[in-house]
Protein backbone atom coordinates (compact mmCIF):
# COMPACT_ATOMS: atom_id res chain seq x y z
CA UNK A 1 -3.62 1.23 23.64
CA UNK A 2 -2.40 -1.88 24.91
CA UNK A 3 -3.38 -5.28 23.68
CA UNK A 4 -4.69 -7.96 25.92
CA UNK A 5 -2.87 -10.87 24.11
CA UNK A 6 1.03 -11.05 23.31
CA UNK A 7 2.17 -13.45 20.87
CA UNK A 8 4.77 -15.86 21.83
CA UNK A 9 8.60 -14.61 20.80
CA UNK A 10 8.71 -17.79 18.84
CA UNK A 11 6.06 -17.31 17.00
CA UNK A 12 6.92 -13.81 16.31
CA UNK A 13 10.33 -14.88 15.36
CA UNK A 14 9.13 -17.57 12.69
CA UNK A 15 6.50 -14.90 11.11
CA UNK A 16 9.47 -12.69 10.69
CA UNK A 17 11.39 -15.62 8.66
CA UNK A 18 8.63 -15.88 7.04
CA UNK A 19 8.03 -12.65 5.95
CA UNK A 20 11.87 -12.38 5.50
CA UNK A 21 11.96 -14.84 2.69
CA UNK A 22 9.25 -12.87 0.91
CA UNK A 23 11.32 -10.01 0.82
CA UNK A 24 14.45 -11.64 -0.31
CA UNK A 25 12.47 -13.15 -3.22
CA UNK A 26 11.06 -9.54 -4.13
CA UNK A 27 14.75 -8.16 -3.66
CA UNK A 28 15.77 -10.29 -6.49
CA UNK A 29 13.66 -9.03 -9.18
CA UNK A 30 13.68 -5.12 -7.91
CA UNK A 31 17.22 -4.57 -7.31
CA UNK A 32 18.17 -1.96 -4.65
CA UNK A 33 15.03 -1.30 -3.62
CA UNK A 34 14.90 -2.98 -0.27
CA UNK A 35 13.43 0.06 1.67
CA UNK A 36 10.37 0.35 -0.93
CA UNK A 37 9.96 -3.42 -0.96
CA UNK A 38 9.74 -3.98 2.86
CA UNK A 39 7.46 -1.10 3.06
CA UNK A 40 5.24 -2.39 0.43
CA UNK A 41 4.94 -5.81 2.35
CA UNK A 42 4.42 -4.20 5.51
CA UNK A 43 1.42 -2.30 3.84
CA UNK A 44 -0.21 -5.59 2.69
CA UNK A 45 0.61 -7.06 6.27
CA UNK A 46 -1.43 -4.13 7.64
CA UNK A 47 -4.10 -4.88 5.11
CA UNK A 48 -3.84 -1.39 3.29
CA UNK A 49 -3.24 -0.11 -0.06
CA UNK A 50 -0.39 0.88 -2.00
CA UNK A 51 0.21 4.13 -3.96
CA UNK A 52 3.54 4.17 -6.23
CA UNK A 53 4.13 7.62 -7.56
CA UNK A 54 7.10 7.80 -10.16
CA UNK A 55 7.78 7.99 -14.12
CA UNK A 56 7.53 5.56 -16.18
CA UNK A 57 9.81 2.77 -16.43
CA UNK A 58 11.50 2.32 -13.02
CA UNK A 59 9.94 -0.91 -11.99
CA UNK A 60 6.39 -0.13 -10.64
CA UNK A 61 4.59 -2.85 -12.36
CA UNK A 62 7.17 -5.52 -12.43
CA UNK A 63 6.97 -4.67 -8.10
CA UNK A 64 2.89 -5.65 -8.31
CA UNK A 65 3.52 -8.51 -10.72
CA UNK A 66 6.56 -10.17 -8.73
CA UNK A 67 4.64 -9.68 -5.20
CA UNK A 68 1.41 -11.46 -6.94
CA UNK A 69 3.67 -14.58 -7.94
CA UNK A 70 5.59 -14.39 -4.64
CA UNK A 71 2.45 -14.43 -2.42
CA UNK A 72 0.14 -16.94 -4.91
CA UNK A 73 -2.38 -14.40 -5.17
CA UNK A 74 -4.83 -14.08 -8.00
CA UNK A 75 -3.84 -10.96 -10.22
CA UNK A 76 -5.52 -8.43 -12.50
CA UNK A 77 -3.93 -5.27 -13.76
CA UNK A 78 -6.05 -2.51 -15.00
CA UNK A 79 -4.72 0.30 -17.35
CA UNK A 80 -6.46 3.32 -16.38
CA UNK A 81 -7.26 5.50 -19.45
CA UNK A 82 -9.25 8.53 -19.89
CA UNK A 83 -11.87 6.89 -21.56
CA UNK A 84 -12.02 4.29 -19.14
CA UNK A 85 -15.68 3.60 -17.12
CA UNK A 86 -16.46 2.45 -13.26
CA UNK A 87 -17.91 -0.76 -14.94
CA UNK A 88 -14.58 -1.42 -16.56
CA UNK A 89 -13.46 -1.71 -13.06
CA UNK A 90 -16.15 -3.31 -10.81
CA UNK A 91 -18.40 -5.23 -13.52
CA UNK A 92 -21.78 -5.29 -15.02
CA UNK A 93 -25.28 -6.33 -14.62
CA UNK A 94 -26.31 -8.00 -18.21
CA UNK A 95 -29.97 -9.20 -18.81
CA UNK A 96 -29.94 -13.21 -19.63
CA UNK A 97 -33.24 -14.18 -21.50
CA UNK A 98 -33.07 -17.66 -20.50
CA UNK A 99 -33.40 -17.19 -16.75
CA UNK A 100 -35.26 -13.81 -17.55
CA UNK A 101 -33.16 -12.12 -14.94
CA UNK A 102 -29.83 -9.67 -14.64
CA UNK A 103 -27.03 -11.35 -13.80
CA UNK A 104 -24.17 -9.32 -12.27
CA UNK A 105 -20.41 -10.22 -14.24
CA UNK A 106 -18.04 -9.46 -12.26
CA UNK A 107 -14.83 -6.63 -13.35
CA UNK A 108 -11.49 -7.42 -12.96
CA UNK A 109 -11.41 -5.65 -9.11
CA UNK A 110 -12.38 -9.12 -7.89
CA UNK A 111 -8.83 -10.13 -7.74
CA UNK A 112 -6.86 -10.53 -4.49
CA UNK A 113 -3.81 -8.15 -6.06
CA UNK A 114 -5.51 -5.35 -8.20
CA UNK A 115 -2.77 -3.20 -10.31
CA UNK A 116 -4.24 0.10 -10.90
CA UNK A 117 -1.77 1.27 -13.21
CA UNK A 118 -1.31 5.04 -13.97
CA UNK A 119 -4.38 5.76 -11.81
CA UNK A 120 -4.23 9.17 -12.47
CA UNK A 121 -4.85 9.10 -16.00
CA UNK A 122 -8.59 8.41 -15.78
CA UNK A 123 -11.28 10.67 -15.07
CA UNK A 124 -12.29 11.30 -11.32
CA UNK A 125 -15.64 9.83 -11.83
CA UNK A 126 -13.80 6.36 -12.82
CA UNK A 127 -11.13 6.93 -10.05
CA UNK A 128 -14.05 7.45 -7.40
CA UNK A 129 -15.21 3.60 -8.54
CA UNK A 130 -12.52 2.19 -6.22
CA UNK A 131 -13.51 3.66 -3.18
CA UNK A 132 -15.98 1.43 -1.75
CA UNK A 133 -14.09 -1.49 -2.56
CA UNK A 134 -10.97 -0.29 -1.10
CA UNK A 135 -12.85 0.85 2.13
CA UNK A 136 -15.30 -1.73 2.41
CA UNK A 137 -13.72 -4.53 0.49
CA UNK A 138 -16.70 -5.04 -1.44
CA UNK A 139 -18.70 -3.49 -4.53
CA UNK A 140 -22.37 -2.59 -4.69
CA UNK A 141 -24.31 -3.05 -8.02
CA UNK A 142 -27.68 -2.53 -8.82
CA UNK A 143 -28.60 -2.28 -5.17
CA UNK A 144 -26.48 -5.94 -4.65
CA UNK A 145 -23.37 -6.34 -2.16
CA UNK A 146 -21.03 -8.35 -3.67
CA UNK A 147 -17.73 -9.47 -1.23
CA UNK A 148 -14.40 -9.18 -2.58
CA UNK A 149 -11.75 -12.10 -2.41
CA UNK A 150 -9.48 -12.28 0.85
CA UNK A 151 -7.04 -11.08 0.84
CA UNK A 152 -7.88 -7.94 -1.23
CA UNK A 153 -4.74 -5.63 -2.27
CA UNK A 154 -4.83 -2.64 -4.49
CA UNK A 155 -1.75 -1.43 -5.71
CA UNK A 156 -2.09 1.64 -7.70
CA UNK A 157 0.60 3.36 -10.00
CA UNK A 158 0.79 7.30 -10.56
CA UNK A 159 2.81 9.30 -12.71
CA UNK A 160 4.21 12.78 -11.42
CA UNK A 161 1.29 15.21 -11.36
CA UNK A 162 3.38 17.73 -13.94
CA UNK A 163 3.14 14.87 -16.60
CA UNK A 164 0.55 15.49 -19.25
CA UNK A 165 -2.95 13.63 -19.23
CA UNK A 166 -3.28 13.33 -15.19
CA UNK A 167 -6.01 13.69 -13.18
CA UNK A 168 -4.81 14.62 -9.83
CA UNK A 169 -6.30 12.30 -7.15
CA UNK A 170 -8.43 14.16 -4.69
CA UNK A 171 -7.56 13.82 -0.78
CA UNK A 172 -10.51 11.24 -0.07
CA UNK A 173 -9.04 8.96 -2.96
CA UNK A 174 -5.37 9.32 -1.51
CA UNK A 175 -6.44 8.63 2.07
CA UNK A 176 -7.28 5.42 0.69
CA UNK A 177 -3.77 4.33 0.55
CA UNK A 178 -2.11 3.43 3.81
CA UNK A 179 1.24 4.38 1.82
CA UNK A 180 2.79 5.94 -1.00
CA UNK A 181 6.33 5.56 -1.97
CA UNK A 182 8.80 6.36 -4.63
CA UNK A 183 11.15 3.83 -6.34
CA UNK A 184 13.27 6.28 -8.03
CA UNK A 185 16.35 5.65 -10.32
CA UNK A 186 18.55 2.78 -9.91
CA UNK A 187 22.15 2.97 -8.87
CA UNK A 188 24.97 2.99 -11.27
CA UNK A 189 25.85 -0.88 -10.53
CA UNK A 190 22.14 -1.95 -10.22
CA UNK A 191 21.79 -0.43 -13.62
CA UNK A 192 24.54 -2.19 -15.23
CA UNK A 193 22.94 -5.30 -13.87
CA UNK A 194 19.57 -4.82 -14.88
CA UNK A 195 21.61 -4.29 -18.66
CA UNK A 196 23.35 -7.02 -18.52
CA UNK A 197 21.37 -9.37 -16.59
CA UNK A 198 17.97 -11.78 -17.34
CA UNK A 199 15.09 -9.90 -18.36
CA UNK A 200 13.09 -8.98 -15.15
CA UNK A 201 10.02 -10.32 -17.16
CA UNK A 202 11.40 -13.71 -17.41
CA UNK A 203 12.57 -13.49 -13.52
CA UNK A 204 9.09 -12.81 -12.72
CA UNK A 205 7.52 -15.76 -14.47
CA UNK A 206 9.84 -18.37 -12.99
CA UNK A 207 8.87 -17.14 -9.38
CA UNK A 208 7.13 -19.66 -7.13
CA UNK A 209 4.76 -18.78 -4.40
CA UNK A 210 7.13 -18.88 -0.79
CA UNK A 211 3.81 -18.99 1.39
CA UNK A 212 0.27 -19.91 1.11
CA UNK A 213 -2.69 -17.81 1.28
CA UNK A 214 -3.54 -19.23 4.47
CA UNK A 215 -0.41 -18.28 6.02
CA UNK A 216 -0.64 -14.80 4.52
CA UNK A 217 -3.81 -14.30 6.19
CA UNK A 218 -2.61 -15.54 9.43
CA UNK A 219 0.27 -12.97 9.40
CA UNK A 220 -2.54 -9.96 8.66
CA UNK A 221 -4.31 -10.86 11.57
CA UNK A 222 -1.30 -11.53 13.82
CA UNK A 223 -0.35 -7.89 13.11
CA UNK A 224 -3.03 -6.35 14.97
CA UNK A 225 -1.98 -8.34 18.15
CA UNK A 226 1.57 -7.05 18.58
CA UNK A 227 1.95 -5.31 21.61
CA UNK A 228 1.81 -1.46 21.85
CA UNK A 229 2.71 0.19 24.78
CA UNK A 230 1.25 3.59 26.49
CA UNK A 231 4.40 5.31 25.45
CA UNK A 232 4.16 4.33 22.17
CA UNK A 233 0.61 5.58 21.55
CA UNK A 234 1.62 8.58 22.97
CA UNK A 235 4.22 9.38 21.13
CA UNK A 236 2.27 8.66 18.03
CA UNK A 237 -0.53 10.98 19.45
CA UNK A 238 2.13 13.68 19.49
CA UNK A 239 3.36 13.01 15.87
CA UNK A 240 -0.44 13.16 15.12
CA UNK A 241 -0.92 16.25 17.09
CA UNK A 242 2.20 17.77 15.71
CA UNK A 243 0.79 18.08 11.88
CA UNK A 244 -2.35 19.47 13.52
CA UNK A 245 -0.63 22.46 15.01
CA UNK A 246 2.33 22.93 12.84
CA UNK A 247 1.78 26.19 10.83
CA UNK A 248 3.63 24.38 7.91
CA UNK A 249 0.41 22.20 6.83
CA UNK A 250 -3.00 23.26 5.80
CA UNK A 251 -4.32 20.64 7.95
CA UNK A 252 -2.98 18.02 10.12
CA UNK A 253 -3.88 14.55 10.10
CA UNK A 254 -7.04 12.56 10.93
CA UNK A 255 -7.95 9.86 13.35
CA UNK A 256 -8.10 7.55 10.43
CA UNK A 257 -4.33 8.38 9.33
CA UNK A 258 -3.73 7.80 13.39
CA UNK A 259 -4.91 4.55 13.19
CA UNK A 260 -3.46 3.37 9.91
CA UNK A 261 0.07 4.95 11.09
CA UNK A 262 -0.28 2.40 14.08
CA UNK A 263 -1.14 -0.37 12.07
CA UNK A 264 1.70 0.20 9.30
CA UNK A 265 4.24 0.19 12.88
CA UNK A 266 2.68 -3.26 14.08
CA UNK A 267 3.12 -4.66 10.75
CA UNK A 268 6.91 -3.18 10.43
CA UNK A 269 7.50 -4.45 14.05
CA UNK A 270 6.08 -7.93 12.98
CA UNK A 271 8.77 -7.91 9.98
CA UNK A 272 11.46 -7.06 12.61
CA UNK A 273 11.07 -9.70 15.05
CA UNK A 274 9.49 -7.62 17.58
CA UNK A 275 7.20 -8.57 19.99
CA UNK A 276 5.93 -5.06 20.48
CA UNK A 277 6.51 -1.65 18.67
CA UNK A 278 9.36 0.06 19.27
CA UNK A 279 9.84 3.77 18.31
CA UNK A 280 11.82 3.19 15.12
CA UNK A 281 9.14 0.76 13.95
CA UNK A 282 6.91 4.05 14.13
CA UNK A 283 9.79 5.80 12.07
CA UNK A 284 10.45 3.36 9.41
CA UNK A 285 6.78 3.80 7.94
CA UNK A 286 6.04 7.53 8.90
CA UNK A 287 6.80 8.94 5.94
CA UNK A 288 5.12 6.79 3.64
CA UNK A 289 1.88 6.94 5.76
CA UNK A 290 1.72 10.65 6.59
CA UNK A 291 3.51 12.43 3.40
CA UNK A 292 0.44 12.19 1.04
CA UNK A 293 -1.89 13.33 3.75
CA UNK A 294 -0.39 16.60 4.46
CA UNK A 295 -0.47 19.53 2.19
CA UNK A 296 2.36 22.12 2.87
CA UNK A 297 0.69 25.52 3.76
CA UNK A 298 3.13 27.86 1.54
CA UNK A 299 6.45 27.31 -0.33
CA UNK A 300 8.52 27.86 2.58
CA UNK A 301 7.37 24.66 3.86
CA UNK A 302 8.49 21.06 3.63
CA UNK A 303 7.60 19.76 -0.03
CA UNK A 304 8.41 16.44 -1.09
CA UNK A 305 7.89 13.28 1.13
CA UNK A 306 11.14 13.01 2.32
CA UNK A 307 11.09 16.49 3.96
CA UNK A 308 8.13 16.50 5.09
CA UNK A 309 8.76 13.11 6.64
CA UNK A 310 12.03 14.22 8.42
CA UNK A 311 10.67 18.10 9.61
CA UNK A 312 7.79 15.50 11.63
CA UNK A 313 9.84 13.33 12.96
CA UNK A 314 12.67 15.93 13.97
CA UNK A 315 10.31 17.98 15.57
CA UNK A 316 8.91 15.37 18.05
CA UNK A 317 10.66 13.92 21.01
CA UNK A 318 11.03 10.05 21.22
CA UNK A 319 9.90 8.95 24.60
């Protein structure tokens, strides 16, 4: 695939600079996690959705708050629990006597950034309520379709599956997330700063938008115009083909996974100021894009996200 339009170098450089300001502001809130922050921003630019899987208390919710403040997005947090219903997310139609008709009252999903907190504590029926919204950017209620805001970005947090009271996300739901990342524990120096510095909530409250929503939408549109050479498409196809042929995985990556891997690489290239996608742009996002889509065949196969990503990238030669 080769795009017919290439953005001028100055435009790409200016876009990279604007994105750098976003990353820098987020780095001031979530300390010592620049790679994860860059992946989060790349996921947003690629118009995907993000799943953060980690134990409670490592900054997942704070990252979502900081992102909403930094980008000036309307924001709503949905706390997922076992008794949460689909209508609590999407909204409900209520009969109004004055008008003699039902009127749809939008739920919290009608925000530009939605934090689905601890999504795997809700039942599968409630989890699936997000499917259409995440895939189609719309909600259907009582036969009527309601468009969601633009941009629309879901950040879902998930507790590790071994914790009590969790319902594992099915493959169809996992596939709706362009990326999955982990934040992990902070290093000693960072943790000391967290203990002795300002409260993160106070820092987030003081954040101002670093770009306008119109600029953000323009950046999202620019991502798809980043040039991709035939050699890089072949490299990506080789990665996808390897996952399908390898005995390590129960099944390989789908065509949709290949498409979002390319989109994520284009977003990363724009962030880096590259006029076209380079092999390192693909490699930078591969683990976050593919690891949650691949299920190890047995215990001898790579198990963790980092192991899966390293195994795949080391098995496919760079063109």
